[in-house]
Amino acid sequence: QVQLVESGGGLVQPGGSLRLSCTASGSIFSINAMVWYRQVPGKERELVAGIHSSGSTNYADSVKGRFTISRDNAKNTVYLQMNSLKPDDTAVYYCNWNLHYGSGFIDYWGQGTQVTVSP
């Protein structure tokens, strides 16, 4: 089992910054990718940013140039640096770790952290 604990959410004014963290503990084996998603009530969960085990990254168009995903393997932690925040970034942010498992994959999710961007 793998447990993911997120932190760093909160209330910030438009134009401000936040850094989310997601730290894993437990039986962490071969990581395929670490991904940040977000969800607004009534809408589907959407991918925000991901980082593959190779180090390659991908971002939603809406956050390109403003958000940066990074990881610290020694700390089993993935980060999401969010700059120039907009009210539309308001959501619950979830981290997801996708691990190799046998011939397939297994997903683990954090509990979510609320980000609110408001004057």
PDB file of N, CA and C in Angstrom:
ATOM      1  N   GLN A   1       0.828  -1.194   0.000  1.00  0.00           N
ATOM      2  CA  GLN A   1       0.000   0.000   0.000  1.00  0.00           C
ATOM      3  C   GLN A   1       0.867   1.251   0.000  1.00  0.00           C
ATOM      4  N   VAL A   2       0.368   2.271  -0.653  1.00  0.00           N
ATOM      5  CA  VAL A   2       1.035   3.566  -0.715  1.00  0.00           C
ATOM      6  C   VAL A   2       0.071   4.621  -0.208  1.00  0.00           C
ATOM      7  N   GLN A   3       0.560   5.493   0.657  1.00  0.00           N
ATOM      8  CA  GLN A   3      -0.247   6.596   1.145  1.00  0.00           C
ATOM      9  C   GLN A   3       0.332   7.899   0.604  1.00  0.00           C
ATOM     10  N   LEU A   4      -0.554   8.760   0.146  1.00  0.00           N
ATOM     11  CA  LEU A   4      -0.155  10.055  -0.380  1.00  0.00           C
ATOM     12  C   LEU A   4      -0.763  11.152   0.484  1.00  0.00           C
ATOM     13  N   VAL A   5       0.060  12.080   0.907  1.00  0.00           N
ATOM     14  CA  VAL A   5      -0.404  13.193   1.729  1.00  0.00           C
ATOM     15  C   VAL A   5      -0.064  14.489   1.020  1.00  0.00           C
ATOM     16  N   GLU A   6      -1.105  15.274   0.758  1.00  0.00           N
ATOM     17  CA  GLU A   6      -0.941  16.541   0.065  1.00  0.00           C
ATOM     18  C   GLU A   6      -0.940  17.683   1.074  1.00  0.00           C
ATOM     19  N   SER A   7      -0.288  18.753   0.703  1.00  0.00           N
ATOM     20  CA  SER A   7      -0.293  19.960   1.523  1.00  0.00           C
ATOM     21  C   SER A   7      -0.008  21.151   0.624  1.00  0.00           C
ATOM     22  N   GLY A   8      -0.253  22.331   1.179  1.00  0.00           N
ATOM     23  CA  GLY A   8       0.097  23.559   0.470  1.00  0.00           C
ATOM     24  C   GLY A   8      -1.066  24.332  -0.097  1.00  0.00           C
ATOM     25  N   GLY A   9      -2.258  23.784  -0.038  1.00  0.00           N
ATOM     26  CA  GLY A   9      -3.397  24.517  -0.552  1.00  0.00           C
ATOM     27  C   GLY A   9      -3.772  25.675   0.351  1.00  0.00           C
ATOM     28  N   GLY A  10      -4.709  26.480  -0.127  1.00  0.00           N
ATOM     29  CA  GLY A  10      -5.153  27.607   0.686  1.00  0.00           C
ATOM     30  C   GLY A  10      -5.828  28.663  -0.146  1.00  0.00           C
ATOM     31  N   LEU A  11      -5.989  29.821   0.469  1.00  0.00           N
ATOM     32  CA  LEU A  11      -6.623  30.976  -0.170  1.00  0.00           C
ATOM     33  C   LEU A  11      -5.533  31.947  -0.618  1.00  0.00           C
ATOM     34  N   VAL A  12      -5.608  32.362  -1.858  1.00  0.00           N
ATOM     35  CA  VAL A  12      -4.623  33.294  -2.393  1.00  0.00           C
ATOM     36  C   VAL A  12      -5.316  34.279  -3.317  1.00  0.00           C
ATOM     37  N   GLN A  13      -4.786  35.480  -3.404  1.00  0.00           N
ATOM     38  CA  GLN A  13      -5.356  36.489  -4.296  1.00  0.00           C
ATOM     39  C   GLN A  13      -4.931  36.220  -5.744  1.00  0.00           C
ATOM     40  N   PRO A  14      -5.717  36.685  -6.681  1.00  0.00           N
ATOM     41  CA  PRO A  14      -5.300  36.555  -8.089  1.00  0.00           C
ATOM     42  C   PRO A  14      -3.916  37.147  -8.304  1.00  0.00           C
ATOM     43  N   GLY A  15      -3.123  36.428  -9.090  1.00  0.00           N
ATOM     44  CA  GLY A  15      -1.744  36.842  -9.318  1.00  0.00           C
ATOM     45  C   GLY A  15      -0.761  36.260  -8.328  1.00  0.00           C
ATOM     46  N   GLY A  16      -1.262  35.661  -7.282  1.00  0.00           N
ATOM     47  CA  GLY A  16      -0.392  35.092  -6.263  1.00  0.00           C
ATOM     48  C   GLY A  16       0.123  33.721  -6.627  1.00  0.00           C
ATOM     49  N   SER A  17       0.852  33.135  -5.677  1.00  0.00           N
ATOM     50  CA  SER A  17       1.492  31.838  -5.900  1.00  0.00           C
ATOM     51  C   SER A  17       1.220  30.895  -4.736  1.00  0.00           C
ATOM     52  N   LEU A  18       1.222  29.622  -5.051  1.00  0.00           N
ATOM     53  CA  LEU A  18       1.162  28.557  -4.055  1.00  0.00           C
ATOM     54  C   LEU A  18       2.036  27.417  -4.541  1.00  0.00           C
ATOM     55  N   ARG A  19       2.545  26.641  -3.600  1.00  0.00           N
ATOM     56  CA  ARG A  19       3.254  25.414  -3.954  1.00  0.00           C
ATOM     57  C   ARG A  19       2.598  24.247  -3.237  1.00  0.00           C
ATOM     58  N   LEU A  20       2.102  23.315  -4.029  1.00  0.00           N
ATOM     59  CA  LEU A  20       1.520  22.102  -3.483  1.00  0.00           C
ATOM     60  C   LEU A  20       2.585  21.020  -3.380  1.00  0.00           C
ATOM     61  N   SER A  21       2.465  20.202  -2.346  1.00  0.00           N
ATOM     62  CA  SER A  21       3.368  19.067  -2.158  1.00  0.00           C
ATOM     63  C   SER A  21       2.543  17.797  -2.005  1.00  0.00           C
ATOM     64  N   CYS A  22       3.114  16.706  -2.452  1.00  0.00           N
ATOM     65  CA  CYS A  22       2.476  15.400  -2.303  1.00  0.00           C
ATOM     66  C   CYS A  22       3.575  14.406  -1.943  1.00  0.00           C
ATOM     67  N   THR A  23       3.521  13.924  -0.708  1.00  0.00           N
ATOM     68  CA  THR A  23       4.553  13.019  -0.210  1.00  0.00           C
ATOM     69  C   THR A  23       4.000  11.614  -0.055  1.00  0.00           C
ATOM     70  N   ALA A  24       4.761  10.661  -0.558  1.00  0.00           N
ATOM     71  CA  ALA A  24       4.333   9.272  -0.519  1.00  0.00           C
ATOM     72  C   ALA A  24       5.061   8.505   0.570  1.00  0.00           C
ATOM     73  N   SER A  25       4.349   7.550   1.136  1.00  0.00           N
ATOM     74  CA  SER A  25       4.944   6.626   2.094  1.00  0.00           C
ATOM     75  C   SER A  25       4.365   5.244   1.841  1.00  0.00           C
ATOM     76  N   GLY A  26       5.070   4.228   2.351  1.00  0.00           N
ATOM     77  CA  GLY A  26       4.597   2.868   2.161  1.00  0.00           C
ATOM     78  C   GLY A  26       5.453   2.112   1.176  1.00  0.00           C
ATOM     79  N   SER A  27       4.846   1.143   0.512  1.00  0.00           N
ATOM     80  CA  SER A  27       5.566   0.262  -0.407  1.00  0.00           C
ATOM     81  C   SER A  27       5.657   0.903  -1.787  1.00  0.00           C
ATOM     82  N   ILE A  28       6.605   1.815  -1.918  1.00  0.00           N
ATOM     83  CA  ILE A  28       6.767   2.537  -3.181  1.00  0.00           C
ATOM     84  C   ILE A  28       7.725   1.754  -4.059  1.00  0.00           C
ATOM     85  N   PHE A  29       7.198   1.236  -5.151  1.00  0.00           N
ATOM     86  CA  PHE A  29       8.054   0.486  -6.034  1.00  0.00           C
ATOM     87  C   PHE A  29       8.228   1.277  -7.319  1.00  0.00           C
ATOM     88  N   SER A  30       8.139   0.641  -8.441  1.00  0.00           N
ATOM     89  CA  SER A  30       8.514   1.305  -9.685  1.00  0.00           C
ATOM     90  C   SER A  30       7.476   2.350 -10.091  1.00  0.00           C
ATOM     91  N   ILE A  31       7.910   3.606 -10.127  1.00  0.00           N
ATOM     92  CA  ILE A  31       7.016   4.707 -10.464  1.00  0.00           C
ATOM     93  C   ILE A  31       6.977   4.887 -11.975  1.00  0.00           C
ATOM     94  N   ASN A  32       5.771   4.987 -12.515  1.00  0.00           N
ATOM     95  CA  ASN A  32       5.613   5.294 -13.933  1.00  0.00           C
ATOM     96  C   ASN A  32       5.458   6.796 -14.134  1.00  0.00           C
ATOM     97  N   ALA A  33       4.582   7.396 -13.334  1.00  0.00           N
ATOM     98  CA  ALA A  33       4.349   8.832 -13.476  1.00  0.00           C
ATOM     99  C   ALA A  33       3.699   9.369 -12.217  1.00  0.00           C
ATOM    100  N   MET A  34       3.872  10.674 -12.030  1.00  0.00           N
ATOM    101  CA  MET A  34       3.198  11.386 -10.939  1.00  0.00           C
ATOM    102  C   MET A  34       2.440  12.536 -11.583  1.00  0.00           C
ATOM    103  N   VAL A  35       1.191  12.675 -11.205  1.00  0.00           N
ATOM    104  CA  VAL A  35       0.312  13.605 -11.910  1.00  0.00           C
ATOM    105  C   VAL A  35      -0.495  14.410 -10.899  1.00  0.00           C
ATOM    106  N   TRP A  36      -0.704  15.659 -11.223  1.00  0.00           N
ATOM    107  CA  TRP A  36      -1.637  16.506 -10.477  1.00  0.00           C
ATOM    108  C   TRP A  36      -2.903  16.677 -11.299  1.00  0.00           C
ATOM    109  N   TYR A  37      -4.048  16.475 -10.641  1.00  0.00           N
ATOM    110  CA  TYR A  37      -5.355  16.707 -11.234  1.00  0.00           C
ATOM    111  C   TYR A  37      -6.064  17.768 -10.394  1.00  0.00           C
ATOM    112  N   ARG A  38      -7.129  18.314 -10.950  1.00  0.00           N
ATOM    113  CA  ARG A  38      -7.977  19.204 -10.169  1.00  0.00           C
ATOM    114  C   ARG A  38      -9.432  18.978 -10.560  1.00  0.00           C
ATOM    115  N   GLN A  39     -10.298  19.322  -9.633  1.00  0.00           N
ATOM    116  CA  GLN A  39     -11.726  19.115  -9.859  1.00  0.00           C
ATOM    117  C   GLN A  39     -12.526  20.218  -9.214  1.00  0.00           C
ATOM    118  N   VAL A  40     -13.475  20.701  -9.984  1.00  0.00           N
ATOM    119  CA  VAL A  40     -14.443  21.693  -9.513  1.00  0.00           C
ATOM    120  C   VAL A  40     -15.780  20.973  -9.377  1.00  0.00           C
ATOM    121  N   PRO A  41     -16.560  21.281  -8.349  1.00  0.00           N
ATOM    122  CA  PRO A  41     -17.862  20.616  -8.193  1.00  0.00           C
ATOM    123  C   PRO A  41     -18.688  20.688  -9.464  1.00  0.00           C
ATOM    124  N   GLY A  42     -19.224  19.538  -9.867  1.00  0.00           N
ATOM    125  CA  GLY A  42     -20.067  19.484 -11.046  1.00  0.00           C
ATOM    126  C   GLY A  42     -19.314  19.282 -12.338  1.00  0.00           C
ATOM    127  N   LYS A  43     -17.985  19.244 -12.259  1.00  0.00           N
ATOM    128  CA  LYS A  43     -17.184  19.048 -13.459  1.00  0.00           C
ATOM    129  C   LYS A  43     -16.287  17.820 -13.294  1.00  0.00           C
ATOM    130  N   GLU A  44     -15.807  17.308 -14.427  1.00  0.00           N
ATOM    131  CA  GLU A  44     -14.922  16.162 -14.386  1.00  0.00           C
ATOM    132  C   GLU A  44     -13.543  16.578 -13.879  1.00  0.00           C
ATOM    133  N   ARG A  45     -12.875  15.587 -13.285  1.00  0.00           N
ATOM    134  CA  ARG A  45     -11.507  15.825 -12.852  1.00  0.00           C
ATOM    135  C   ARG A  45     -10.638  16.014 -14.088  1.00  0.00           C
ATOM    136  N   GLU A  46      -9.766  17.017 -14.072  1.00  0.00           N
ATOM    137  CA  GLU A  46      -8.934  17.287 -15.218  1.00  0.00           C
ATOM    138  C   GLU A  46      -7.453  17.226 -14.859  1.00  0.00           C
ATOM    139  N   LEU A  47      -6.661  16.763 -15.820  1.00  0.00           N
ATOM    140  CA  LEU A  47      -5.224  16.710 -15.621  1.00  0.00           C
ATOM    141  C   LEU A  47      -4.648  18.108 -15.663  1.00  0.00           C
ATOM    142  N   VAL A  48      -3.797  18.406 -14.692  1.00  0.00           N
ATOM    143  CA  VAL A  48      -3.146  19.715 -14.631  1.00  0.00           C
ATOM    144  C   VAL A  48      -1.698  19.615 -15.132  1.00  0.00           C
ATOM    145  N   ALA A  49      -0.965  18.673 -14.549  1.00  0.00           N
ATOM    146  CA  ALA A  49       0.447  18.515 -14.913  1.00  0.00           C
ATOM    147  C   ALA A  49       0.903  17.123 -14.522  1.00  0.00           C
ATOM    148  N   GLY A  50       1.826  16.575 -15.312  1.00  0.00           N
ATOM    149  CA  GLY A  50       2.357  15.264 -15.015  1.00  0.00           C
ATOM    150  C   GLY A  50       3.843  15.216 -15.270  1.00  0.00           C
ATOM    151  N   ILE A  51       4.510  14.312 -14.533  1.00  0.00           N
ATOM    152  CA  ILE A  51       5.933  14.100 -14.737  1.00  0.00           C
ATOM    153  C   ILE A  51       6.179  12.603 -14.795  1.00  0.00           C
ATOM    154  N   HIS A  52       6.796  12.191 -15.899  1.00  0.00           N
ATOM    155  CA  HIS A  52       7.062  10.780 -16.121  1.00  0.00           C
ATOM    156  C   HIS A  52       8.348  10.382 -15.397  1.00  0.00           C
ATOM    157  N   SER A  53       8.531   9.069 -15.231  1.00  0.00           N
ATOM    158  CA  SER A  53       9.747   8.594 -14.588  1.00  0.00           C
ATOM    159  C   SER A  53      10.994   9.015 -15.361  1.00  0.00           C
ATOM    160  N   SER A  54      10.840   9.257 -16.655  1.00  0.00           N
ATOM    161  CA  SER A  54      11.968   9.714 -17.477  1.00  0.00           C
ATOM    162  C   SER A  54      12.326  11.165 -17.206  1.00  0.00           C
ATOM    163  N   GLY A  55      11.402  11.868 -16.550  1.00  0.00           N
ATOM    164  CA  GLY A  55      11.615  13.285 -16.293  1.00  0.00           C
ATOM    165  C   GLY A  55      10.834  14.189 -17.225  1.00  0.00           C
ATOM    166  N   SER A  56      10.252  13.622 -18.261  1.00  0.00           N
ATOM    167  CA  SER A  56       9.462  14.444 -19.167  1.00  0.00           C
ATOM    168  C   SER A  56       8.200  14.924 -18.467  1.00  0.00           C
ATOM    169  N   THR A  57       7.754  16.104 -18.842  1.00  0.00           N
ATOM    170  CA  THR A  57       6.583  16.714 -18.213  1.00  0.00           C
ATOM    171  C   THR A  57       5.546  17.083 -19.269  1.00  0.00           C
ATOM    172  N   ASN A  58       4.314  17.191 -18.814  1.00  0.00           N
ATOM    173  CA  ASN A  58       3.248  17.694 -19.674  1.00  0.00           C
ATOM    174  C   ASN A  58       2.292  18.512 -18.836  1.00  0.00           C
ATOM    175  N   TYR A  59       1.659  19.470 -19.483  1.00  0.00           N
ATOM    176  CA  TYR A  59       0.784  20.427 -18.788  1.00  0.00           C
ATOM    177  C   TYR A  59      -0.503  20.634 -19.570  1.00  0.00           C
ATOM    178  N   ALA A  60      -1.557  20.934 -18.843  1.00  0.00           N
ATOM    179  CA  ALA A  60      -2.777  21.402 -19.487  1.00  0.00           C
ATOM    180  C   ALA A  60      -2.490  22.755 -20.118  1.00  0.00           C
ATOM    181  N   ASP A  61      -3.121  23.014 -21.238  1.00  0.00           N
ATOM    182  CA  ASP A  61      -2.891  24.289 -21.929  1.00  0.00           C
ATOM    183  C   ASP A  61      -3.192  25.475 -21.023  1.00  0.00           C
ATOM    184  N   SER A  62      -4.168  25.315 -20.157  1.00  0.00           N
ATOM    185  CA  SER A  62      -4.611  26.420 -19.319  1.00  0.00           C
ATOM    186  C   SER A  62      -3.588  26.826 -18.265  1.00  0.00           C
ATOM    187  N   VAL A  63      -2.601  25.964 -18.006  1.00  0.00           N
ATOM    188  CA  VAL A  63      -1.621  26.281 -16.963  1.00  0.00           C
ATOM    189  C   VAL A  63      -0.202  26.405 -17.497  1.00  0.00           C
ATOM    190  N   LYS A  64      -0.008  26.163 -18.774  1.00  0.00           N
ATOM    191  CA  LYS A  64       1.337  26.252 -19.348  1.00  0.00           C
ATOM    192  C   LYS A  64       1.919  27.645 -19.134  1.00  0.00           C
ATOM    193  N   GLY A  65       3.176  27.654 -18.710  1.00  0.00           N
ATOM    194  CA  GLY A  65       3.843  28.921 -18.462  1.00  0.00           C
ATOM    195  C   GLY A  65       3.596  29.492 -17.080  1.00  0.00           C
ATOM    196  N   ARG A  66       2.632  28.926 -16.359  1.00  0.00           N
ATOM    197  CA  ARG A  66       2.327  29.414 -15.002  1.00  0.00           C
ATOM    198  C   ARG A  66       2.625  28.369 -13.925  1.00  0.00           C
ATOM    199  N   PHE A  67       2.404  27.111 -14.234  1.00  0.00           N
ATOM    200  CA  PHE A  67       2.612  26.026 -13.269  1.00  0.00           C
ATOM    201  C   PHE A  67       3.849  25.219 -13.650  1.00  0.00           C
ATOM    202  N   THR A  68       4.517  24.702 -12.630  1.00  0.00           N
ATOM    203  CA  THR A  68       5.677  23.845 -12.858  1.00  0.00           C
ATOM    204  C   THR A  68       5.596  22.638 -11.935  1.00  0.00           C
ATOM    205  N   ILE A  69       5.700  21.458 -12.523  1.00  0.00           N
ATOM    206  CA  ILE A  69       5.729  20.226 -11.736  1.00  0.00           C
ATOM    207  C   ILE A  69       7.177  19.786 -11.578  1.00  0.00           C
ATOM    208  N   SER A  70       7.503  19.304 -10.391  1.00  0.00           N
ATOM    209  CA  SER A  70       8.853  18.817 -10.137  1.00  0.00           C
ATOM    210  C   SER A  70       8.779  17.708  -9.091  1.00  0.00           C
ATOM    211  N   ARG A  71       9.885  17.039  -8.880  1.00  0.00           N
ATOM    212  CA  ARG A  71       9.888  15.947  -7.912  1.00  0.00           C
ATOM    213  C   ARG A  71      11.219  15.913  -7.168  1.00  0.00           C
ATOM    214  N   ASP A  72      11.168  15.350  -5.995  1.00  0.00           N
ATOM    215  CA  ASP A  72      12.364  15.096  -5.203  1.00  0.00           C
ATOM    216  C   ASP A  72      12.319  13.611  -4.849  1.00  0.00           C
ATOM    217  N   ASN A  73      13.064  12.818  -5.582  1.00  0.00           N
ATOM    218  CA  ASN A  73      12.998  11.364  -5.398  1.00  0.00           C
ATOM    219  C   ASN A  73      13.448  10.954  -3.995  1.00  0.00           C
ATOM    220  N   ALA A  74      14.422  11.660  -3.463  1.00  0.00           N
ATOM    221  CA  ALA A  74      14.935  11.311  -2.136  1.00  0.00           C
ATOM    222  C   ALA A  74      13.880  11.507  -1.053  1.00  0.00           C
ATOM    223  N   LYS A  75      12.974  12.445  -1.299  1.00  0.00           N
ATOM    224  CA  LYS A  75      11.922  12.738  -0.318  1.00  0.00           C
ATOM    225  C   LYS A  75      10.590  12.103  -0.714  1.00  0.00           C
ATOM    226  N   ASN A  76      10.577  11.352  -1.811  1.00  0.00           N
ATOM    227  CA  ASN A  76       9.319  10.752  -2.307  1.00  0.00           C
ATOM    228  C   ASN A  76       8.222  11.800  -2.408  1.00  0.00           C
ATOM    229  N   THR A  77       8.566  12.924  -2.971  1.00  0.00           N
ATOM    230  CA  THR A  77       7.647  14.050  -3.018  1.00  0.00           C
ATOM    231  C   THR A  77       7.578  14.624  -4.431  1.00  0.00           C
ATOM    232  N   VAL A  78       6.363  14.980  -4.824  1.00  0.00           N
ATOM    233  CA  VAL A  78       6.157  15.706  -6.069  1.00  0.00           C
ATOM    234  C   VAL A  78       5.547  17.055  -5.717  1.00  0.00           C
ATOM    235  N   TYR A  79       5.944  18.069  -6.440  1.00  0.00           N
ATOM    236  CA  TYR A  79       5.511  19.432  -6.166  1.00  0.00           C
ATOM    237  C   TYR A  79       4.750  20.003  -7.362  1.00  0.00           C
ATOM    238  N   LEU A  80       3.918  20.983  -7.080  1.00  0.00           N
ATOM    239  CA  LEU A  80       3.295  21.774  -8.135  1.00  0.00           C
ATOM    240  C   LEU A  80       3.422  23.235  -7.735  1.00  0.00           C
ATOM    241  N   GLN A  81       4.323  23.931  -8.402  1.00  0.00           N
ATOM    242  CA  GLN A  81       4.484  25.362  -8.180  1.00  0.00           C
ATOM    243  C   GLN A  81       3.494  26.093  -9.068  1.00  0.00           C
ATOM    244  N   MET A  82       2.638  26.873  -8.446  1.00  0.00           N
ATOM    245  CA  MET A  82       1.582  27.568  -9.184  1.00  0.00           C
ATOM    246  C   MET A  82       1.789  29.062  -9.049  1.00  0.00           C
ATOM    247  N   ASN A  83       2.052  29.713 -10.155  1.00  0.00           N
ATOM    248  CA  ASN A  83       2.258  31.158 -10.178  1.00  0.00           C
ATOM    249  C   ASN A  83       1.171  31.832 -11.000  1.00  0.00           C
ATOM    250  N   SER A  84       1.066  33.137 -10.838  1.00  0.00           N
ATOM    251  CA  SER A  84       0.075  33.924 -11.597  1.00  0.00           C
ATOM    252  C   SER A  84      -1.296  33.270 -11.528  1.00  0.00           C
ATOM    253  N   LEU A  85      -1.710  32.938 -10.340  1.00  0.00           N
ATOM    254  CA  LEU A  85      -2.969  32.218 -10.169  1.00  0.00           C
ATOM    255  C   LEU A  85      -4.165  33.068 -10.562  1.00  0.00           C
ATOM    256  N   LYS A  86      -5.159  32.389 -11.096  1.00  0.00           N
ATOM    257  CA  LYS A  86      -6.385  33.025 -11.564  1.00  0.00           C
ATOM    258  C   LYS A  86      -7.580  32.418 -10.822  1.00  0.00           C
ATOM    259  N   PRO A  87      -8.685  33.145 -10.753  1.00  0.00           N
ATOM    260  CA  PRO A  87      -9.876  32.561 -10.116  1.00  0.00           C
ATOM    261  C   PRO A  87     -10.276  31.222 -10.729  1.00  0.00           C
ATOM    262  N   ASP A  88     -10.047  31.045 -12.027  1.00  0.00           N
ATOM    263  CA  ASP A  88     -10.384  29.782 -12.685  1.00  0.00           C
ATOM    264  C   ASP A  88      -9.539  28.614 -12.208  1.00  0.00           C
ATOM    265  N   ASP A  89      -8.469  28.891 -11.481  1.00  0.00           N
ATOM    266  CA  ASP A  89      -7.645  27.812 -10.930  1.00  0.00           C
ATOM    267  C   ASP A  89      -8.233  27.260  -9.640  1.00  0.00           C
ATOM    268  N   THR A  90      -9.271  27.890  -9.140  1.00  0.00           N
ATOM    269  CA  THR A  90      -9.912  27.421  -7.918  1.00  0.00           C
ATOM    270  C   THR A  90     -10.465  26.016  -8.120  1.00  0.00           C
ATOM    271  N   ALA A  91     -10.048  25.096  -7.258  1.00  0.00           N
ATOM    272  CA  ALA A  91     -10.454  23.696  -7.372  1.00  0.00           C
ATOM    273  C   ALA A  91      -9.854  22.914  -6.217  1.00  0.00           C
ATOM    274  N   VAL A  92     -10.276  21.672  -6.100  1.00  0.00           N
ATOM    275  CA  VAL A  92      -9.578  20.728  -5.238  1.00  0.00           C
ATOM    276  C   VAL A  92      -8.517  20.047  -6.094  1.00  0.00           C
ATOM    277  N   TYR A  93      -7.294  20.073  -5.611  1.00  0.00           N
ATOM    278  CA  TYR A  93      -6.174  19.500  -6.358  1.00  0.00           C
ATOM    279  C   TYR A  93      -5.806  18.150  -5.745  1.00  0.00           C
ATOM    280  N   TYR A  94      -5.661  17.165  -6.616  1.00  0.00           N
ATOM    281  CA  TYR A  94      -5.346  15.799  -6.192  1.00  0.00           C
ATOM    282  C   TYR A  94      -4.031  15.355  -6.833  1.00  0.00           C
ATOM    283  N   CYS A  95      -3.212  14.669  -6.064  1.00  0.00           N
ATOM    284  CA  CYS A  95      -2.039  14.053  -6.682  1.00  0.00           C
ATOM    285  C   CYS A  95      -2.332  12.580  -6.928  1.00  0.00           C
ATOM    286  N   ASN A  96      -1.729  12.096  -7.969  1.00  0.00           N
ATOM    287  CA  ASN A  96      -1.888  10.709  -8.386  1.00  0.00           C
ATOM    288  C   ASN A  96      -0.509  10.138  -8.683  1.00  0.00           C
ATOM    289  N   TRP A  97      -0.235   8.976  -8.109  1.00  0.00           N
ATOM    290  CA  TRP A  97       0.986   8.257  -8.433  1.00  0.00           C
ATOM    291  C   TRP A  97       0.590   6.992  -9.182  1.00  0.00           C
ATOM    292  N   ASN A  98       1.145   6.848 -10.360  1.00  0.00           N
ATOM    293  CA  ASN A  98       0.882   5.686 -11.202  1.00  0.00           C
ATOM    294  C   ASN A  98       2.115   4.794 -11.163  1.00  0.00           C
ATOM    295  N   LEU A  99       1.964   3.609 -10.579  1.00  0.00           N
ATOM    296  CA  LEU A  99       3.109   2.719 -10.371  1.00  0.00           C
ATOM    297  C   LEU A  99       2.989   1.482 -11.246  1.00  0.00           C
ATOM    298  N   HIS A 100       4.139   0.973 -11.682  1.00  0.00           N
ATOM    299  CA  HIS A 100       4.150  -0.314 -12.362  1.00  0.00           C
ATOM    300  C   HIS A 100       3.728  -1.386 -11.372  1.00  0.00           C
ATOM    301  N   TYR A 101       2.874  -2.306 -11.835  1.00  0.00           N
ATOM    302  CA  TYR A 101       2.371  -3.368 -10.970  1.00  0.00           C
ATOM    303  C   TYR A 101       2.172  -4.603 -11.828  1.00  0.00           C
ATOM    304  N   GLY A 102       3.088  -5.555 -11.693  1.00  0.00           N
ATOM    305  CA  GLY A 102       3.036  -6.729 -12.556  1.00  0.00           C
ATOM    306  C   GLY A 102       3.188  -6.307 -14.003  1.00  0.00           C
ATOM    307  N   SER A 103       2.258  -6.759 -14.825  1.00  0.00           N
ATOM    308  CA  SER A 103       2.275  -6.395 -16.238  1.00  0.00           C
ATOM    309  C   SER A 103       1.472  -5.131 -16.507  1.00  0.00           C
ATOM    310  N   GLY A 104       0.950  -4.524 -15.464  1.00  0.00           N
ATOM    311  CA  GLY A 104       0.126  -3.338 -15.645  1.00  0.00           C
ATOM    312  C   GLY A 104       0.536  -2.209 -14.728  1.00  0.00           C
ATOM    313  N   PHE A 105      -0.451  -1.462 -14.274  1.00  0.00           N
ATOM    314  CA  PHE A 105      -0.209  -0.293 -13.451  1.00  0.00           C
ATOM    315  C   PHE A 105      -1.234  -0.249 -12.324  1.00  0.00           C
ATOM    316  N   ILE A 106      -0.924   0.511 -11.298  1.00  0.00           N
ATOM    317  CA  ILE A 106      -1.844   0.745 -10.204  1.00  0.00           C
ATOM    318  C   ILE A 106      -1.765   2.216  -9.824  1.00  0.00           C
ATOM    319  N   ASP A 107      -2.906   2.787  -9.507  1.00  0.00           N
ATOM    320  CA  ASP A 107      -2.994   4.205  -9.171  1.00  0.00           C
ATOM    321  C   ASP A 107      -3.241   4.404  -7.685  1.00  0.00           C
ATOM    322  N   TYR A 108      -2.575   5.402  -7.137  1.00  0.00           N
ATOM    323  CA  TYR A 108      -2.832   5.846  -5.780  1.00  0.00           C
ATOM    324  C   TYR A 108      -3.154   7.334  -5.824  1.00  0.00           C
ATOM    325  N   TRP A 109      -4.068   7.739  -4.936  1.00  0.00           N
ATOM    326  CA  TRP A 109      -4.549   9.115  -4.923  1.00  0.00           C
ATOM    327  C   TRP A 109      -4.375   9.731  -3.548  1.00  0.00           C
ATOM    328  N   GLY A 110      -4.092  11.037  -3.560  1.00  0.00           N
ATOM    329  CA  GLY A 110      -4.105  11.785  -2.328  1.00  0.00           C
ATOM    330  C   GLY A 110      -5.529  12.172  -1.958  1.00  0.00           C
ATOM    331  N   GLN A 111      -5.669  12.791  -0.812  1.00  0.00           N
ATOM    332  CA  GLN A 111      -6.995  13.124  -0.298  1.00  0.00           C
ATOM    333  C   GLN A 111      -7.535  14.427  -0.892  1.00  0.00           C
ATOM    334  N   GLY A 112      -6.681  15.163  -1.558  1.00  0.00           N
ATOM    335  CA  GLY A 112      -7.091  16.429  -2.146  1.00  0.00           C
ATOM    336  C   GLY A 112      -6.789  17.606  -1.247  1.00  0.00           C
ATOM    337  N   THR A 113      -6.452  18.718  -1.863  1.00  0.00           N
ATOM    338  CA  THR A 113      -6.215  19.950  -1.123  1.00  0.00           C
ATOM    339  C   THR A 113      -6.897  21.097  -1.862  1.00  0.00           C
ATOM    340  N   GLN A 114      -7.604  21.931  -1.109  1.00  0.00           N
ATOM    341  CA  GLN A 114      -8.393  23.005  -1.718  1.00  0.00           C
ATOM    342  C   GLN A 114      -7.500  24.193  -2.046  1.00  0.00           C
ATOM    343  N   VAL A 115      -7.629  24.673  -3.263  1.00  0.00           N
ATOM    344  CA  VAL A 115      -6.989  25.917  -3.687  1.00  0.00           C
ATOM    345  C   VAL A 115      -8.093  26.884  -4.079  1.00  0.00           C
ATOM    346  N   THR A 116      -8.103  28.040  -3.439  1.00  0.00           N
ATOM    347  CA  THR A 116      -9.095  29.067  -3.724  1.00  0.00           C
ATOM    348  C   THR A 116      -8.384  30.342  -4.101  1.00  0.00           C
ATOM    349  N   VAL A 117      -8.698  30.839  -5.285  1.00  0.00           N
ATOM    350  CA  VAL A 117      -8.096  32.080  -5.781  1.00  0.00           C
ATOM    351  C   VAL A 117      -9.204  33.134  -5.819  1.00  0.00           C
ATOM    352  N   SER A 118      -9.096  34.106  -4.945  1.00  0.00           N
ATOM    353  CA  SER A 118     -10.162  35.085  -4.810  1.00  0.00           C
ATOM    354  C   SER A 118      -9.590  36.380  -4.254  1.00  0.00           C
ATOM    355  N   PRO A 119     -10.155  37.529  -4.682  1.00  0.00           N
ATOM    356  CA  PRO A 119      -9.667  38.821  -4.152  1.00  0.00           C
ATOM    357  C   PRO A 119      -9.882  38.916  -2.657  1.00  0.00           C
TER     358      PRO A 119
END
